Amino acid sequence: MDSGTTLYTSYDRHYARFGNVRPAERIFLPALYHDYDRPWMKGLAKDAAILDCGCGYGHQLYALSKMGFTNLTGIELTEGSYAIAKLELSGMADVEHAEAFDYLRTCPGQFDLILLNDVLEHVPREKTLEFLQLIRDALRPQGMVTIRVPNMASLLAQHSMYGDFTHLVGFTEFSLTQILDIAGFVDHRFVSLRPKLFLNYRYPAKVVKSLGRFALSVANDFLHRFLYLLRLQRPIPTQFGYNIEVYSGKGP
């Protein structure tokens, strides 16, 4: 077993330390669409073939299943996360214990959507382009990829980057679209990660938390924009949260 494999097979304690819990414990079903609805879902058929590449405990697939999507697959390298995802997603998704590069080579043109949540920052820089090209090859002609990575334009970017020893590459919205361009993806659209207001007053604790998170997000955006203006930064970033999320088309 090489050192890289050892890092990921021993990753589970770190993953849990950062507050990750099983999907059924984390996902609040009355606020499912409030918390998990994304622009790329619009027009996406419920039977679209979706792959979550590096699915962790399976939170995204669990949410998609509860929202009515039926053709779901997840792959996960770390043994503990895979075991939890396999159990939590029983009857909802096919989950395989697999290394992403090897798996993607076996399924050209198979998926309508591939999810990369907190994955790309773990890929060595010299393999990033190859990885994205394998993702693109695994998509059907009108397919999409959606990517979430820590945001290096944030004031707290060092915490995002160095809070995990296995993080290898950092991205801003500009470098992320740059590498997506090079890999052949088109029509990059950023997802607003500002918390949405949840105003279902049958759940007052959730409403209060939603209002607080929204107010903090507005203050965070104002602070970042002000500091970038002070530095005469051009272009000024548009994404200031902990993460960046973008979705792109496969292209011609």
C-alpha atoms as a PDB file:
ATOM      1  CA  MET A   1       0.000   0.000   0.000  1.00  0.00           C
ATOM      2  CA  ASP A   2       1.508   3.351  -1.019  1.00  0.00           C
ATOM      3  CA  SER A   3       1.515   6.449   1.183  1.00  0.00           C
ATOM      4  CA  GLY A   4      -1.301   8.142  -0.774  1.00  0.00           C
ATOM      5  CA  THR A   5      -3.608   5.164  -0.310  1.00  0.00           C
ATOM      6  CA  THR A   6      -2.722   5.018   3.385  1.00  0.00           C
ATOM      7  CA  LEU A   7      -3.751   8.661   3.833  1.00  0.00           C
ATOM      8  CA  TYR A   8      -7.225   7.985   2.514  1.00  0.00           C
ATOM      9  CA  THR A   9      -7.847   4.649   4.167  1.00  0.00           C
ATOM     10  CA  SER A  10      -7.071   6.336   7.515  1.00  0.00           C
ATOM     11  CA  TYR A  11      -9.125   9.447   6.746  1.00  0.00           C
ATOM     12  CA  ASP A  12     -12.268   8.566   8.662  1.00  0.00           C
ATOM     13  CA  ARG A  13     -11.275   9.957  12.065  1.00  0.00           C
ATOM     14  CA  HIS A  14     -10.448  13.337  10.508  1.00  0.00           C
ATOM     15  CA  TYR A  15     -13.718  13.343   8.543  1.00  0.00           C
ATOM     16  CA  ALA A  16     -15.737  12.762  11.708  1.00  0.00           C
ATOM     17  CA  ARG A  17     -13.730  15.376  13.628  1.00  0.00           C
ATOM     18  CA  PHE A  18     -15.057  18.037  11.258  1.00  0.00           C
ATOM     19  CA  GLY A  19     -18.621  17.328  12.297  1.00  0.00           C
ATOM     20  CA  ASN A  20     -19.685  14.940   9.556  1.00  0.00           C
ATOM     21  CA  VAL A  21     -22.585  12.738  10.622  1.00  0.00           C
ATOM     22  CA  ARG A  22     -24.777  10.246   8.829  1.00  0.00           C
ATOM     23  CA  PRO A  23     -27.185  11.720   6.242  1.00  0.00           C
ATOM     24  CA  ALA A  24     -30.289  10.759   8.189  1.00  0.00           C
ATOM     25  CA  GLU A  25     -28.932  12.666  11.199  1.00  0.00           C
ATOM     26  CA  ARG A  26     -27.911  15.755   9.235  1.00  0.00           C
ATOM     27  CA  ILE A  27     -30.610  16.298   6.622  1.00  0.00           C
ATOM     28  CA  PHE A  28     -33.714  18.032   7.991  1.00  0.00           C
ATOM     29  CA  LEU A  29     -36.430  16.755   5.667  1.00  0.00           C
ATOM     30  CA  PRO A  30     -38.940  19.622   6.194  1.00  0.00           C
ATOM     31  CA  ALA A  31     -36.231  21.978   4.835  1.00  0.00           C
ATOM     32  CA  LEU A  32     -34.934  19.568   2.177  1.00  0.00           C
ATOM     33  CA  TYR A  33     -35.598  21.787  -0.846  1.00  0.00           C
ATOM     34  CA  HIS A  34     -34.582  24.895   1.052  1.00  0.00           C
ATOM     35  CA  ASP A  35     -31.175  23.406   1.875  1.00  0.00           C
ATOM     36  CA  TYR A  36     -30.399  21.264  -1.174  1.00  0.00           C
ATOM     37  CA  ASP A  37     -32.176  22.721  -4.205  1.00  0.00           C
ATOM     38  CA  ARG A  38     -29.666  23.769  -6.889  1.00  0.00           C
ATOM     39  CA  PRO A  39     -30.089  25.576 -10.242  1.00  0.00           C
ATOM     40  CA  TRP A  40     -28.687  22.586 -12.148  1.00  0.00           C
ATOM     41  CA  MET A  41     -31.656  20.500 -11.006  1.00  0.00           C
ATOM     42  CA  LYS A  42     -34.031  22.522 -13.174  1.00  0.00           C
ATOM     43  CA  GLY A  43     -34.912  20.467 -16.228  1.00  0.00           C
ATOM     44  CA  LEU A  44     -32.919  17.459 -15.003  1.00  0.00           C
ATOM     45  CA  ALA A  45     -35.013  14.308 -15.426  1.00  0.00           C
ATOM     46  CA  LYS A  46     -35.688  12.316 -12.274  1.00  0.00           C
ATOM     47  CA  ASP A  47     -34.174   9.258 -13.954  1.00  0.00           C
ATOM     48  CA  ALA A  48     -31.020  11.099 -15.084  1.00  0.00           C
ATOM     49  CA  ALA A  49     -27.871   9.051 -14.481  1.00  0.00           C
ATOM     50  CA  ILE A  50     -26.042  10.832 -11.632  1.00  0.00           C
ATOM     51  CA  LEU A  51     -22.621   9.934 -10.225  1.00  0.00           C
ATOM     52  CA  ASP A  52     -21.356  11.352  -6.932  1.00  0.00           C
ATOM     53  CA  CYS A  53     -17.595  10.975  -7.278  1.00  0.00           C
ATOM     54  CA  GLY A  54     -16.177  10.863  -3.744  1.00  0.00           C
ATOM     55  CA  CYS A  55     -19.575  10.659  -2.069  1.00  0.00           C
ATOM     56  CA  GLY A  56     -18.353  10.584   1.549  1.00  0.00           C
ATOM     57  CA  TYR A  57     -21.184   9.474   3.835  1.00  0.00           C
ATOM     58  CA  GLY A  58     -23.668   9.995   0.977  1.00  0.00           C
ATOM     59  CA  HIS A  59     -25.346  13.262   1.995  1.00  0.00           C
ATOM     60  CA  GLN A  60     -25.871  14.582  -1.544  1.00  0.00           C
ATOM     61  CA  LEU A  61     -27.178  11.271  -2.878  1.00  0.00           C
ATOM     62  CA  TYR A  62     -29.481  10.895   0.130  1.00  0.00           C
ATOM     63  CA  ALA A  63     -30.933  14.348  -0.520  1.00  0.00           C
ATOM     64  CA  LEU A  64     -31.322  13.689  -4.242  1.00  0.00           C
ATOM     65  CA  SER A  65     -33.120  10.436  -3.540  1.00  0.00           C
ATOM     66  CA  LYS A  66     -35.519  12.161  -1.151  1.00  0.00           C
ATOM     67  CA  MET A  67     -36.146  14.741  -3.908  1.00  0.00           C
ATOM     68  CA  GLY A  68     -37.222  11.993  -6.298  1.00  0.00           C
ATOM     69  CA  PHE A  69     -34.086  11.198  -8.320  1.00  0.00           C
ATOM     70  CA  THR A  70     -33.836   7.470  -8.974  1.00  0.00           C
ATOM     71  CA  ASN A  71     -30.700   6.655 -11.009  1.00  0.00           C
ATOM     72  CA  LEU A  72     -27.975   7.372  -8.459  1.00  0.00           C
ATOM     73  CA  THR A  73     -24.440   6.032  -8.106  1.00  0.00           C
ATOM     74  CA  GLY A  74     -21.732   6.901  -5.599  1.00  0.00           C
ATOM     75  CA  ILE A  75     -18.080   5.954  -5.382  1.00  0.00           C
ATOM     76  CA  GLU A  76     -15.908   6.423  -2.304  1.00  0.00           C
ATOM     77  CA  LEU A  77     -12.291   5.501  -1.602  1.00  0.00           C
ATOM     78  CA  THR A  78     -12.106   5.682   2.200  1.00  0.00           C
ATOM     79  CA  GLU A  79     -13.304   2.457   3.756  1.00  0.00           C
ATOM     80  CA  GLY A  80     -15.216   3.912   6.705  1.00  0.00           C
ATOM     81  CA  SER A  81     -17.091   6.483   4.632  1.00  0.00           C
ATOM     82  CA  TYR A  82     -17.913   3.861   2.017  1.00  0.00           C
ATOM     83  CA  ALA A  83     -19.343   1.529   4.662  1.00  0.00           C
ATOM     84  CA  ILE A  84     -21.579   4.286   6.060  1.00  0.00           C
ATOM     85  CA  ALA A  85     -22.719   5.413   2.597  1.00  0.00           C
ATOM     86  CA  LYS A  86     -23.475   1.828   1.581  1.00  0.00           C
ATOM     87  CA  LEU A  87     -25.676   1.392   4.641  1.00  0.00           C
ATOM     88  CA  GLU A  88     -27.340   4.814   4.577  1.00  0.00           C
ATOM     89  CA  LEU A  89     -28.129   4.673   0.851  1.00  0.00           C
ATOM     90  CA  SER A  90     -29.462   1.136   0.764  1.00  0.00           C
ATOM     91  CA  GLY A  91     -32.360   1.087  -1.696  1.00  0.00           C
ATOM     92  CA  MET A  92     -31.566   4.653  -2.818  1.00  0.00           C
ATOM     93  CA  ALA A  93     -28.280   4.456  -4.717  1.00  0.00           C
ATOM     94  CA  ASP A  94     -25.610   2.052  -5.894  1.00  0.00           C
ATOM     95  CA  VAL A  95     -22.428   2.664  -3.897  1.00  0.00           C
ATOM     96  CA  GLU A  96     -19.030   1.254  -4.857  1.00  0.00           C
ATOM     97  CA  HIS A  97     -15.701   1.205  -3.049  1.00  0.00           C
ATOM     98  CA  ALA A  98     -13.535   2.563  -5.860  1.00  0.00           C
ATOM     99  CA  GLU A  99     -10.687   4.888  -6.815  1.00  0.00           C
ATOM    100  CA  ALA A 100     -12.010   7.675  -9.028  1.00  0.00           C
ATOM    101  CA  PHE A 101      -9.441   7.554 -11.843  1.00  0.00           C
ATOM    102  CA  ASP A 102      -9.834   3.796 -12.276  1.00  0.00           C
ATOM    103  CA  TYR A 103     -13.619   3.910 -12.070  1.00  0.00           C
ATOM    104  CA  LEU A 104     -14.067   6.763 -14.547  1.00  0.00           C
ATOM    105  CA  ARG A 105     -12.016   4.958 -17.183  1.00  0.00           C
ATOM    106  CA  THR A 106     -14.610   2.166 -17.181  1.00  0.00           C
ATOM    107  CA  CYS A 107     -17.704   4.273 -17.916  1.00  0.00           C
ATOM    108  CA  PRO A 108     -17.324   6.582 -20.948  1.00  0.00           C
ATOM    109  CA  GLY A 109     -20.503   8.444 -21.891  1.00  0.00           C
ATOM    110  CA  GLN A 110     -22.497   6.957 -19.033  1.00  0.00           C
ATOM    111  CA  PHE A 111     -23.681   9.880 -16.875  1.00  0.00           C
ATOM    112  CA  ASP A 112     -25.890  12.942 -17.270  1.00  0.00           C
ATOM    113  CA  LEU A 113     -24.435  14.630 -14.183  1.00  0.00           C
ATOM    114  CA  ILE A 114     -21.280  14.097 -12.145  1.00  0.00           C
ATOM    115  CA  LEU A 115     -20.912  15.649  -8.697  1.00  0.00           C
ATOM    116  CA  LEU A 116     -17.519  16.604  -7.287  1.00  0.00           C
ATOM    117  CA  ASN A 117     -18.141  17.878  -3.773  1.00  0.00           C
ATOM    118  CA  ASP A 118     -14.907  18.600  -1.884  1.00  0.00           C
ATOM    119  CA  VAL A 119     -12.881  16.346  -4.188  1.00  0.00           C
ATOM    120  CA  LEU A 120     -10.886  18.394  -6.688  1.00  0.00           C
ATOM    121  CA  GLU A 121      -8.695  20.005  -4.018  1.00  0.00           C
ATOM    122  CA  HIS A 122      -7.444  16.509  -3.118  1.00  0.00           C
ATOM    123  CA  VAL A 123      -6.197  15.731  -6.649  1.00  0.00           C
ATOM    124  CA  PRO A 124      -2.485  16.424  -7.307  1.00  0.00           C
ATOM    125  CA  ARG A 125      -1.974  19.472  -9.507  1.00  0.00           C
ATOM    126  CA  GLU A 126      -0.209  17.449 -12.207  1.00  0.00           C
ATOM    127  CA  LYS A 127      -3.263  15.156 -12.436  1.00  0.00           C
ATOM    128  CA  THR A 128      -6.033  17.771 -12.249  1.00  0.00           C
ATOM    129  CA  LEU A 129      -6.442  18.158 -16.000  1.00  0.00           C
ATOM    130  CA  GLU A 130      -6.414  14.391 -16.586  1.00  0.00           C
ATOM    131  CA  PHE A 131      -9.045  13.961 -13.870  1.00  0.00           C
ATOM    132  CA  LEU A 132     -11.363  16.585 -15.346  1.00  0.00           C
ATOM    133  CA  GLN A 133     -10.961  15.101 -18.804  1.00  0.00           C
ATOM    134  CA  LEU A 134     -11.942  11.675 -17.430  1.00  0.00           C
ATOM    135  CA  ILE A 135     -14.997  13.340 -15.862  1.00  0.00           C
ATOM    136  CA  ARG A 136     -15.850  14.926 -19.205  1.00  0.00           C
ATOM    137  CA  ASP A 137     -15.409  11.625 -21.062  1.00  0.00           C
ATOM    138  CA  ALA A 138     -17.777   9.901 -18.611  1.00  0.00           C
ATOM    139  CA  LEU A 139     -20.560  12.401 -19.391  1.00  0.00           C
ATOM    140  CA  ARG A 140     -23.234  12.012 -22.031  1.00  0.00           C
ATOM    141  CA  PRO A 141     -23.356  14.666 -24.813  1.00  0.00           C
ATOM    142  CA  GLN A 142     -25.529  17.133 -22.853  1.00  0.00           C
ATOM    143  CA  GLY A 143     -24.032  16.222 -19.496  1.00  0.00           C
ATOM    144  CA  MET A 144     -22.894  18.514 -16.694  1.00  0.00           C
ATOM    145  CA  VAL A 145     -20.372  18.509 -13.896  1.00  0.00           C
ATOM    146  CA  THR A 146     -20.948  20.355 -10.642  1.00  0.00           C
ATOM    147  CA  ILE A 147     -17.927  21.133  -8.475  1.00  0.00           C
ATOM    148  CA  ARG A 148     -17.554  22.420  -4.925  1.00  0.00           C
ATOM    149  CA  VAL A 149     -14.129  23.385  -3.566  1.00  0.00           C
ATOM    150  CA  PRO A 150     -12.854  25.540  -0.683  1.00  0.00           C
ATOM    151  CA  ASN A 151     -12.709  29.208  -1.654  1.00  0.00           C
ATOM    152  CA  MET A 152      -9.192  30.626  -1.679  1.00  0.00           C
ATOM    153  CA  ALA A 153     -10.550  34.166  -2.155  1.00  0.00           C
ATOM    154  CA  SER A 154     -11.996  34.082   1.356  1.00  0.00           C
ATOM    155  CA  LEU A 155     -10.223  35.834   4.235  1.00  0.00           C
ATOM    156  CA  LEU A 156     -10.191  32.480   6.020  1.00  0.00           C
ATOM    157  CA  ALA A 157      -8.816  30.576   3.051  1.00  0.00           C
ATOM    158  CA  GLN A 158      -5.818  29.270   4.978  1.00  0.00           C
ATOM    159  CA  HIS A 159      -8.119  27.466   7.392  1.00  0.00           C
ATOM    160  CA  SER A 160     -10.017  25.963   4.451  1.00  0.00           C
ATOM    161  CA  MET A 161      -6.836  24.880   2.700  1.00  0.00           C
ATOM    162  CA  TYR A 162      -4.712  23.686   5.590  1.00  0.00           C
ATOM    163  CA  GLY A 163      -7.394  22.264   7.843  1.00  0.00           C
ATOM    164  CA  ASP A 164      -6.936  19.036   5.901  1.00  0.00           C
ATOM    165  CA  PHE A 165      -3.501  17.528   5.281  1.00  0.00           C
ATOM    166  CA  THR A 166      -4.783  15.870   2.089  1.00  0.00           C
ATOM    167  CA  HIS A 167      -5.695  19.181   0.435  1.00  0.00           C
ATOM    168  CA  LEU A 168      -3.214  19.671  -2.398  1.00  0.00           C
ATOM    169  CA  VAL A 169      -4.540  22.466  -4.643  1.00  0.00           C
ATOM    170  CA  GLY A 170      -6.489  25.642  -3.859  1.00  0.00           C
ATOM    171  CA  PHE A 171      -8.892  27.407  -6.206  1.00  0.00           C
ATOM    172  CA  THR A 172     -10.510  30.788  -6.653  1.00  0.00           C
ATOM    173  CA  GLU A 173     -13.429  31.211  -9.022  1.00  0.00           C
ATOM    174  CA  PHE A 174     -10.949  32.402 -11.639  1.00  0.00           C
ATOM    175  CA  SER A 175      -8.515  29.496 -11.458  1.00  0.00           C
ATOM    176  CA  LEU A 176     -11.412  27.034 -11.311  1.00  0.00           C
ATOM    177  CA  THR A 177     -12.986  28.347 -14.512  1.00  0.00           C
ATOM    178  CA  GLN A 178      -9.518  28.471 -16.066  1.00  0.00           C
ATOM    179  CA  ILE A 179      -8.901  24.747 -15.594  1.00  0.00           C
ATOM    180  CA  LEU A 180     -12.480  23.929 -16.641  1.00  0.00           C
ATOM    181  CA  ASP A 181     -11.882  25.870 -19.872  1.00  0.00           C
ATOM    182  CA  ILE A 182      -8.681  23.936 -20.508  1.00  0.00           C
ATOM    183  CA  ALA A 183     -10.473  20.620 -19.879  1.00  0.00           C
ATOM    184  CA  GLY A 184     -13.108  21.502 -22.486  1.00  0.00           C
ATOM    185  CA  PHE A 185     -16.079  22.396 -20.284  1.00  0.00           C
ATOM    186  CA  VAL A 186     -18.332  25.310 -21.229  1.00  0.00           C
ATOM    187  CA  ASP A 187     -20.982  27.654 -19.824  1.00  0.00           C
ATOM    188  CA  HIS A 188     -19.687  27.895 -16.247  1.00  0.00           C
ATOM    189  CA  ARG A 189     -22.334  29.091 -13.796  1.00  0.00           C
ATOM    190  CA  PHE A 190     -21.681  29.773 -10.137  1.00  0.00           C
ATOM    191  CA  VAL A 191     -24.190  28.748  -7.499  1.00  0.00           C
ATOM    192  CA  SER A 192     -24.976  31.288  -4.822  1.00  0.00           C
ATOM    193  CA  LEU A 193     -24.139  29.716  -1.476  1.00  0.00           C
ATOM    194  CA  ARG A 194     -25.665  32.543   0.540  1.00  0.00           C
ATOM    195  CA  PRO A 195     -28.037  30.906   3.041  1.00  0.00           C
ATOM    196  CA  LYS A 196     -31.666  31.190   1.997  1.00  0.00           C
ATOM    197  CA  LEU A 197     -34.254  32.347   4.485  1.00  0.00           C
ATOM    198  CA  PHE A 198     -36.302  29.508   5.966  1.00  0.00           C
ATOM    199  CA  LEU A 199     -39.541  30.983   7.197  1.00  0.00           C
ATOM    200  CA  ASN A 200     -41.618  27.981   8.160  1.00  0.00           C
ATOM    201  CA  TYR A 201     -42.603  29.050  11.651  1.00  0.00           C
ATOM    202  CA  ARG A 202     -43.592  25.532  12.673  1.00  0.00           C
ATOM    203  CA  TYR A 203     -39.834  25.109  13.172  1.00  0.00           C
ATOM    204  CA  PRO A 204     -38.794  28.239  15.113  1.00  0.00           C
ATOM    205  CA  ALA A 205     -35.261  27.044  15.908  1.00  0.00           C
ATOM    206  CA  LYS A 206     -34.592  26.503  12.201  1.00  0.00           C
ATOM    207  CA  VAL A 207     -36.046  29.947  11.385  1.00  0.00           C
ATOM    208  CA  VAL A 208     -33.794  31.683  13.953  1.00  0.00           C
ATOM    209  CA  LYS A 209     -30.731  29.817  12.681  1.00  0.00           C
ATOM    210  CA  SER A 210     -31.646  30.715   9.104  1.00  0.00           C
ATOM    211  CA  LEU A 211     -32.001  34.424   9.935  1.00  0.00           C
ATOM    212  CA  GLY A 212     -28.655  34.452  11.755  1.00  0.00           C
ATOM    213  CA  ARG A 213     -26.804  32.670   8.956  1.00  0.00           C
ATOM    214  CA  PHE A 214     -28.315  35.018   6.356  1.00  0.00           C
ATOM    215  CA  ALA A 215     -27.275  38.125   8.300  1.00  0.00           C
ATOM    216  CA  LEU A 216     -23.732  36.811   8.788  1.00  0.00           C
ATOM    217  CA  SER A 217     -23.482  36.014   5.077  1.00  0.00           C
ATOM    218  CA  VAL A 218     -24.496  39.570   4.108  1.00  0.00           C
ATOM    219  CA  ALA A 219     -21.910  40.985   6.534  1.00  0.00           C
ATOM    220  CA  ASN A 220     -19.239  38.629   5.183  1.00  0.00           C
ATOM    221  CA  ASP A 221     -19.900  39.729   1.587  1.00  0.00           C
ATOM    222  CA  PHE A 222     -19.763  43.411   2.552  1.00  0.00           C
ATOM    223  CA  LEU A 223     -16.458  42.987   4.391  1.00  0.00           C
ATOM    224  CA  HIS A 224     -14.822  41.127   1.514  1.00  0.00           C
ATOM    225  CA  ARG A 225     -16.006  43.571  -1.141  1.00  0.00           C
ATOM    226  CA  PHE A 226     -14.753  46.511   0.923  1.00  0.00           C
ATOM    227  CA  LEU A 227     -11.298  44.973   1.390  1.00  0.00           C
ATOM    228  CA  TYR A 228     -10.959  44.051  -2.277  1.00  0.00           C
ATOM    229  CA  LEU A 229     -11.910  47.630  -3.197  1.00  0.00           C
ATOM    230  CA  LEU A 230      -9.270  48.967  -0.797  1.00  0.00           C
ATOM    231  CA  ARG A 231      -6.677  46.874  -2.585  1.00  0.00           C
ATOM    232  CA  LEU A 232      -7.919  48.099  -5.986  1.00  0.00           C
ATOM    233  CA  GLN A 233      -8.325  44.457  -6.983  1.00  0.00           C
ATOM    234  CA  ARG A 234      -9.455  43.840 -10.565  1.00  0.00           C
ATOM    235  CA  PRO A 235     -11.488  41.831 -11.212  1.00  0.00           C
ATOM    236  CA  ILE A 236     -13.166  41.670  -7.827  1.00  0.00           C
ATOM    237  CA  PRO A 237     -14.266  38.133  -6.959  1.00  0.00           C
ATOM    238  CA  THR A 238     -17.964  37.427  -6.680  1.00  0.00           C
ATOM    239  CA  GLN A 239     -17.710  34.416  -4.350  1.00  0.00           C
ATOM    240  CA  PHE A 240     -16.780  35.132  -0.733  1.00  0.00           C
ATOM    241  CA  GLY A 241     -18.071  32.179   1.253  1.00  0.00           C
ATOM    242  CA  TYR A 242     -16.250  29.166   2.665  1.00  0.00           C
ATOM    243  CA  ASN A 243     -16.763  27.263  -0.607  1.00  0.00           C
ATOM    244  CA  ILE A 244     -17.139  27.888  -4.318  1.00  0.00           C
ATOM    245  CA  GLU A 245     -19.718  25.900  -6.260  1.00  0.00           C
ATOM    246  CA  VAL A 246     -19.915  25.903 -10.053  1.00  0.00           C
ATOM    247  CA  TYR A 247     -21.643  23.795 -12.693  1.00  0.00           C
ATOM    248  CA  SER A 248     -20.500  23.470 -16.294  1.00  0.00           C
ATOM    249  CA  GLY A 249     -21.592  21.734 -19.461  1.00  0.00           C
ATOM    250  CA  LYS A 250     -19.614  19.036 -21.270  1.00  0.00           C
ATOM    251  CA  GLY A 251     -19.373  21.124 -24.404  1.00  0.00           C
ATOM    252  CA  PRO A 252     -18.871  19.941 -27.985  1.00  0.00           C
END
